[in-house]
Amino acid sequence: MESKTLISQDSEIKALLLQRGENVGKVELRDSKRYYFLLNHHLLELSLTIDEANLICEALKDYQFEDDPEQARTLWKQVQSAIQQDQLDQKWSVNSKTFIRKLQVFVNFRV
């Protein structure tokens, strides 16, 4: 029985999942669990304050993420631009220079 999630409807991802020779739905579920585990693990390593997390959410609220993994390396630029444009550092009481550097170091180390 094949899963009917959006992931398995993406032909490129579905082809990769089928190459693994297992049930697509099971592979999808397992890989999703792994992805969210790693995401949570790395977010904990970043050690964001509540205000920093809120700033990121506001800065990226209208940002369109693409399928390009390299995009993660420059995500800090979008955050920096939103800070400059909307004074989000003042709104969320965050030192923008320190915060952007924190994002740059984390992303360049992890990606």
Protein backbone atom coordinates (compact mmCIF):
# COMPACT_ATOMS: atom_id res chain seq x y z
CA MET A 1 0.00 0.00 0.00
CA GLU A 2 1.53 3.28 -1.12
CA SER A 3 1.40 6.44 0.97
CA LYS A 4 -0.52 9.34 -0.54
CA THR A 5 1.46 12.14 1.03
CA LEU A 6 2.83 15.08 -0.89
CA ILE A 7 6.32 13.61 -0.68
CA SER A 8 5.39 10.48 -2.59
CA GLN A 9 3.59 12.61 -5.15
CA ASP A 10 6.84 14.40 -6.01
CA SER A 11 8.22 12.33 -8.90
CA GLU A 12 11.88 13.03 -8.12
CA ILE A 13 11.55 12.05 -4.46
CA LYS A 14 9.33 9.10 -5.27
CA ALA A 15 11.95 7.73 -7.68
CA LEU A 16 14.60 7.99 -4.97
CA LEU A 17 12.33 6.26 -2.48
CA LEU A 18 11.53 3.45 -4.92
CA GLN A 19 15.24 2.83 -5.50
CA ARG A 20 15.53 1.82 -1.87
CA GLY A 21 13.48 -1.30 -2.62
CA GLU A 22 11.14 -0.92 0.31
CA ASN A 23 7.59 0.23 0.84
CA VAL A 24 7.53 3.92 -0.09
CA GLY A 25 5.27 4.83 2.82
CA LYS A 26 7.51 3.13 5.38
CA VAL A 27 10.64 4.75 3.94
CA GLU A 28 8.89 8.13 3.91
CA LEU A 29 7.85 7.81 7.53
CA ARG A 30 11.25 6.60 8.69
CA ASP A 31 13.12 9.30 6.77
CA SER A 32 10.75 12.00 8.01
CA LYS A 33 11.31 10.89 11.59
CA ARG A 34 15.07 11.02 11.03
CA TYR A 35 14.81 14.46 9.45
CA TYR A 36 12.80 15.90 12.34
CA PHE A 37 15.13 14.30 14.89
CA LEU A 38 18.15 15.91 13.21
CA LEU A 39 16.35 19.22 12.83
CA ASN A 40 15.42 19.30 16.51
CA HIS A 41 18.91 18.18 17.51
CA HIS A 42 20.61 20.93 15.53
CA LEU A 43 18.14 23.58 16.62
CA LEU A 44 18.97 22.72 20.22
CA GLU A 45 22.66 23.14 19.39
CA LEU A 46 21.94 26.61 18.02
CA SER A 47 20.59 27.70 21.42
CA LEU A 48 18.16 30.35 20.29
CA THR A 49 16.44 32.60 22.76
CA ILE A 50 12.67 32.98 22.43
CA ASP A 51 13.18 36.45 20.99
CA GLU A 52 15.72 35.18 18.44
CA ALA A 53 13.35 32.40 17.37
CA ASN A 54 10.50 34.90 17.05
CA LEU A 55 12.72 37.18 14.99
CA ILE A 56 13.57 34.33 12.60
CA CYS A 57 9.89 33.37 12.25
CA GLU A 58 8.90 36.94 11.46
CA ALA A 59 11.83 37.49 9.12
CA LEU A 60 11.02 34.35 7.11
CA LYS A 61 7.21 34.47 7.23
CA ASP A 62 6.88 35.36 3.55
CA TYR A 63 10.11 33.76 2.36
CA GLN A 64 9.70 31.07 -0.29
CA PHE A 65 11.97 28.11 0.31
CA GLU A 66 13.16 26.28 -2.76
CA ASP A 67 14.48 22.77 -3.26
CA ASP A 68 18.06 24.01 -3.38
CA PRO A 69 20.05 22.74 -0.36
CA GLU A 70 22.56 25.55 -0.87
CA GLN A 71 19.83 27.98 0.10
CA ALA A 72 20.39 27.08 3.76
CA ARG A 73 23.89 28.56 3.58
CA THR A 74 22.54 32.02 2.82
CA LEU A 75 19.37 32.01 4.89
CA TRP A 76 21.05 34.41 7.30
CA LYS A 77 21.05 37.02 4.50
CA GLN A 78 17.27 36.94 4.35
CA VAL A 79 17.11 37.35 8.12
CA GLN A 80 19.62 40.21 8.00
CA SER A 81 17.66 41.93 5.25
CA ALA A 82 14.41 41.66 7.22
CA ILE A 83 16.15 43.02 10.33
CA GLN A 84 17.40 46.05 8.39
CA GLN A 85 14.12 46.62 6.59
CA ASP A 86 11.73 46.17 9.51
CA GLN A 87 13.96 46.89 12.54
CA LEU A 88 13.23 43.41 13.87
CA ASP A 89 16.27 43.56 16.13
CA GLN A 90 14.65 46.43 18.03
CA LYS A 91 11.23 44.80 18.07
CA TRP A 92 12.61 41.53 19.50
CA SER A 93 15.43 43.07 21.59
CA VAL A 94 18.16 41.16 19.76
CA ASN A 95 21.69 42.38 19.04
CA SER A 96 21.58 42.03 15.26
CA LYS A 97 25.35 41.85 14.66
CA THR A 98 25.88 39.13 17.26
CA PHE A 99 22.78 37.25 16.13
CA ILE A 100 23.65 37.28 12.41
CA ARG A 101 27.17 36.11 13.21
CA LYS A 102 25.68 33.30 15.32
CA LEU A 103 23.55 32.21 12.35
CA GLN A 104 26.47 32.43 9.93
CA VAL A 105 28.74 30.31 12.09
CA PHE A 106 26.05 27.70 12.74
CA VAL A 107 24.97 27.38 9.11
CA ASN A 108 28.50 27.25 7.73
CA PHE A 109 29.50 24.66 10.29
CA ARG A 110 26.46 22.42 9.74
CA VAL A 111 25.65 22.62 6.05
